[in-house]
Amino acid sequence: MTQLRPVTANDQWLNQIFAAKSVQTGGVVRRQVEDVDRKIGRAALELEVRRRGFHLVEAGGQYIVICTRAPLRVLV
């Protein structure tokens, strides 16, 4: 029998972020750095973004998740 891990508040917070319509359509989601750091920590966000094959950028006090597995090219 497989033991299931209990769902934590961190899991719920991440699930809420990645349930956004923009995630499903390959868009972006943004969260304030201080909010992420306070609620789940950067490492947990990075792990989830990597697990999904997405891209994570930090700019202007926000984490920006680019919700596509396609290669990313920075133009400027």
N, C-alpha and C. Protein backbone atom coordinates (compact mmCIF):
# COMPACT_ATOMS: atom_id res chain seq x y z
N MET A 1 0.83 -1.17 0.00
CA MET A 1 0.00 0.00 0.00
C MET A 1 0.88 1.25 0.00
N THR A 2 0.54 2.24 -0.81
CA THR A 2 1.31 3.46 -0.93
C THR A 2 0.86 4.47 0.11
N GLN A 3 1.83 5.07 0.76
CA GLN A 3 1.54 6.12 1.74
C GLN A 3 1.44 7.45 1.00
N LEU A 4 0.35 8.16 1.18
CA LEU A 4 0.19 9.47 0.57
C LEU A 4 0.64 10.55 1.53
N ARG A 5 1.30 11.54 1.00
CA ARG A 5 1.77 12.67 1.78
C ARG A 5 0.60 13.63 1.98
N PRO A 6 0.41 14.13 3.18
CA PRO A 6 -0.70 15.08 3.40
C PRO A 6 -0.49 16.37 2.59
N VAL A 7 -1.58 16.94 2.15
CA VAL A 7 -1.52 18.20 1.41
C VAL A 7 -1.27 19.33 2.41
N THR A 8 -0.26 20.13 2.12
CA THR A 8 0.10 21.23 3.03
C THR A 8 -0.41 22.56 2.47
N ALA A 9 -0.31 23.59 3.29
CA ALA A 9 -0.68 24.93 2.84
C ALA A 9 0.22 25.36 1.68
N ASN A 10 1.49 24.92 1.69
CA ASN A 10 2.41 25.23 0.59
C ASN A 10 1.90 24.62 -0.71
N ASP A 11 1.46 23.36 -0.64
CA ASP A 11 0.93 22.68 -1.82
C ASP A 11 -0.30 23.41 -2.35
N GLN A 12 -1.16 23.82 -1.46
CA GLN A 12 -2.37 24.52 -1.87
C GLN A 12 -2.03 25.85 -2.53
N TRP A 13 -1.06 26.56 -1.99
CA TRP A 13 -0.65 27.85 -2.55
C TRP A 13 -0.08 27.65 -3.95
N LEU A 14 0.79 26.65 -4.12
CA LEU A 14 1.35 26.36 -5.44
C LEU A 14 0.27 25.91 -6.42
N ASN A 15 -0.64 25.06 -5.96
CA ASN A 15 -1.72 24.59 -6.82
C ASN A 15 -2.57 25.75 -7.31
N GLN A 16 -2.81 26.72 -6.44
CA GLN A 16 -3.60 27.88 -6.81
C GLN A 16 -2.89 28.70 -7.90
N ILE A 17 -1.59 28.87 -7.76
CA ILE A 17 -0.83 29.61 -8.77
C ILE A 17 -0.91 28.90 -10.12
N PHE A 18 -0.66 27.60 -10.12
CA PHE A 18 -0.58 26.87 -11.37
C PHE A 18 -1.93 26.42 -11.91
N ALA A 19 -3.00 26.80 -11.24
CA ALA A 19 -4.35 26.54 -11.74
C ALA A 19 -4.87 27.73 -12.56
N ALA A 20 -4.10 28.80 -12.61
CA ALA A 20 -4.52 30.00 -13.35
C ALA A 20 -4.69 29.69 -14.83
N LYS A 21 -5.64 30.35 -15.45
CA LYS A 21 -5.93 30.15 -16.87
C LYS A 21 -4.69 30.42 -17.73
N SER A 22 -3.92 31.42 -17.36
CA SER A 22 -2.73 31.77 -18.15
C SER A 22 -1.70 30.63 -18.17
N VAL A 23 -1.67 29.82 -17.14
CA VAL A 23 -0.77 28.68 -17.11
C VAL A 23 -1.19 27.67 -18.18
N GLN A 24 -2.47 27.42 -18.28
CA GLN A 24 -3.00 26.44 -19.23
C GLN A 24 -2.80 26.88 -20.69
N THR A 25 -2.70 28.19 -20.91
CA THR A 25 -2.59 28.71 -22.27
C THR A 25 -1.16 29.13 -22.62
N GLY A 26 -0.19 28.80 -21.77
CA GLY A 26 1.20 29.12 -22.06
C GLY A 26 1.57 30.56 -21.77
N GLY A 27 0.82 31.22 -20.92
CA GLY A 27 1.08 32.61 -20.56
C GLY A 27 2.08 32.74 -19.43
N VAL A 28 1.92 33.78 -18.65
CA VAL A 28 2.81 34.02 -17.51
C VAL A 28 2.00 34.24 -16.24
N VAL A 29 2.62 33.95 -15.12
CA VAL A 29 2.07 34.31 -13.82
C VAL A 29 3.17 35.04 -13.06
N ARG A 30 2.76 36.02 -12.26
CA ARG A 30 3.71 36.82 -11.49
C ARG A 30 3.33 36.79 -10.02
N ARG A 31 4.34 36.77 -9.18
CA ARG A 31 4.13 36.87 -7.74
C ARG A 31 5.24 37.72 -7.15
N GLN A 32 4.92 38.51 -6.16
CA GLN A 32 5.92 39.32 -5.48
C GLN A 32 6.96 38.41 -4.81
N VAL A 33 8.24 38.79 -4.93
CA VAL A 33 9.32 38.02 -4.32
C VAL A 33 9.09 37.85 -2.82
N GLU A 34 8.74 38.94 -2.15
CA GLU A 34 8.56 38.87 -0.69
C GLU A 34 7.39 37.96 -0.32
N ASP A 35 6.37 37.91 -1.14
CA ASP A 35 5.22 37.05 -0.88
C ASP A 35 5.61 35.57 -1.02
N VAL A 36 6.32 35.25 -2.09
CA VAL A 36 6.79 33.87 -2.29
C VAL A 36 7.73 33.47 -1.16
N ASP A 37 8.68 34.33 -0.84
CA ASP A 37 9.65 34.02 0.21
C ASP A 37 8.97 33.79 1.55
N ARG A 38 7.93 34.56 1.84
CA ARG A 38 7.23 34.43 3.11
C ARG A 38 6.36 33.16 3.15
N LYS A 39 5.72 32.84 2.05
CA LYS A 39 4.75 31.74 2.06
C LYS A 39 5.37 30.36 1.83
N ILE A 40 6.23 30.23 0.80
CA ILE A 40 6.77 28.89 0.50
C ILE A 40 8.27 28.85 0.33
N GLY A 41 8.88 29.99 0.05
CA GLY A 41 10.32 30.05 -0.19
C GLY A 41 10.65 29.87 -1.66
N ARG A 42 11.73 30.48 -2.06
CA ARG A 42 12.16 30.44 -3.46
C ARG A 42 12.46 29.03 -3.92
N ALA A 43 13.09 28.24 -3.07
CA ALA A 43 13.47 26.88 -3.46
C ALA A 43 12.26 26.05 -3.87
N ALA A 44 11.17 26.17 -3.13
CA ALA A 44 9.95 25.40 -3.46
C ALA A 44 9.37 25.85 -4.79
N LEU A 45 9.38 27.17 -5.05
CA LEU A 45 8.88 27.67 -6.33
C LEU A 45 9.77 27.19 -7.47
N GLU A 46 11.08 27.29 -7.30
CA GLU A 46 12.01 26.82 -8.33
C GLU A 46 11.80 25.34 -8.63
N LEU A 47 11.64 24.55 -7.60
CA LEU A 47 11.43 23.11 -7.78
C LEU A 47 10.17 22.82 -8.61
N GLU A 48 9.09 23.51 -8.29
CA GLU A 48 7.83 23.30 -9.01
C GLU A 48 7.93 23.77 -10.46
N VAL A 49 8.59 24.90 -10.67
CA VAL A 49 8.77 25.41 -12.04
C VAL A 49 9.61 24.42 -12.85
N ARG A 50 10.69 23.92 -12.27
CA ARG A 50 11.52 22.91 -12.95
C ARG A 50 10.74 21.64 -13.24
N ARG A 51 9.96 21.20 -12.26
CA ARG A 51 9.18 19.97 -12.43
C ARG A 51 8.23 20.09 -13.62
N ARG A 52 7.70 21.27 -13.83
CA ARG A 52 6.76 21.49 -14.94
C ARG A 52 7.48 21.83 -16.25
N GLY A 53 8.78 22.07 -16.20
CA GLY A 53 9.53 22.40 -17.40
C GLY A 53 9.34 23.84 -17.85
N PHE A 54 8.89 24.71 -16.95
CA PHE A 54 8.66 26.11 -17.26
C PHE A 54 9.94 26.91 -17.00
N HIS A 55 9.84 28.23 -17.15
CA HIS A 55 10.97 29.13 -16.94
C HIS A 55 10.63 30.12 -15.83
N LEU A 56 11.64 30.49 -15.03
CA LEU A 56 11.44 31.43 -13.93
C LEU A 56 12.41 32.59 -14.07
N VAL A 57 11.88 33.81 -13.99
CA VAL A 57 12.67 35.03 -14.08
C VAL A 57 12.35 35.88 -12.85
N GLU A 58 13.37 36.57 -12.34
CA GLU A 58 13.14 37.53 -11.26
C GLU A 58 13.45 38.92 -11.79
N ALA A 59 12.50 39.82 -11.68
CA ALA A 59 12.70 41.20 -12.15
C ALA A 59 11.75 42.12 -11.41
N GLY A 60 12.25 43.28 -11.03
CA GLY A 60 11.41 44.30 -10.40
C GLY A 60 10.69 43.84 -9.16
N GLY A 61 11.34 42.98 -8.36
CA GLY A 61 10.72 42.52 -7.12
C GLY A 61 9.64 41.47 -7.33
N GLN A 62 9.61 40.87 -8.53
CA GLN A 62 8.62 39.84 -8.81
C GLN A 62 9.28 38.61 -9.42
N TYR A 63 8.68 37.46 -9.13
CA TYR A 63 9.03 36.24 -9.85
C TYR A 63 8.04 36.13 -10.99
N ILE A 64 8.54 35.90 -12.17
CA ILE A 64 7.71 35.75 -13.36
C ILE A 64 7.91 34.33 -13.87
N VAL A 65 6.82 33.58 -13.91
CA VAL A 65 6.87 32.21 -14.41
C VAL A 65 6.33 32.23 -15.84
N ILE A 66 7.16 31.81 -16.77
CA ILE A 66 6.77 31.72 -18.17
C ILE A 66 6.36 30.27 -18.40
N CYS A 67 5.08 30.09 -18.64
CA CYS A 67 4.47 28.76 -18.59
C CYS A 67 4.48 28.06 -19.94
N THR A 68 5.68 27.80 -20.41
CA THR A 68 5.87 27.03 -21.64
C THR A 68 7.15 26.22 -21.51
N ARG A 69 7.17 25.10 -22.19
CA ARG A 69 8.38 24.27 -22.20
C ARG A 69 9.26 24.61 -23.40
N ALA A 70 8.77 25.47 -24.27
CA ALA A 70 9.54 25.88 -25.44
C ALA A 70 10.78 26.65 -25.01
N PRO A 71 11.81 26.62 -25.84
CA PRO A 71 13.02 27.38 -25.51
C PRO A 71 12.70 28.86 -25.33
N LEU A 72 13.47 29.49 -24.47
CA LEU A 72 13.29 30.90 -24.15
C LEU A 72 14.46 31.68 -24.74
N ARG A 73 14.17 32.78 -25.37
CA ARG A 73 15.22 33.62 -25.95
C ARG A 73 15.04 35.05 -25.44
N VAL A 74 16.04 35.58 -24.80
CA VAL A 74 16.00 36.96 -24.31
C VAL A 74 16.51 37.86 -25.44
N LEU A 75 15.69 38.82 -25.82
CA LEU A 75 16.02 39.66 -26.97
C LEU A 75 16.84 40.90 -26.61
N VAL A 76 16.52 41.52 -25.50
CA VAL A 76 17.23 42.74 -25.09
C VAL A 76 17.52 42.67 -23.61
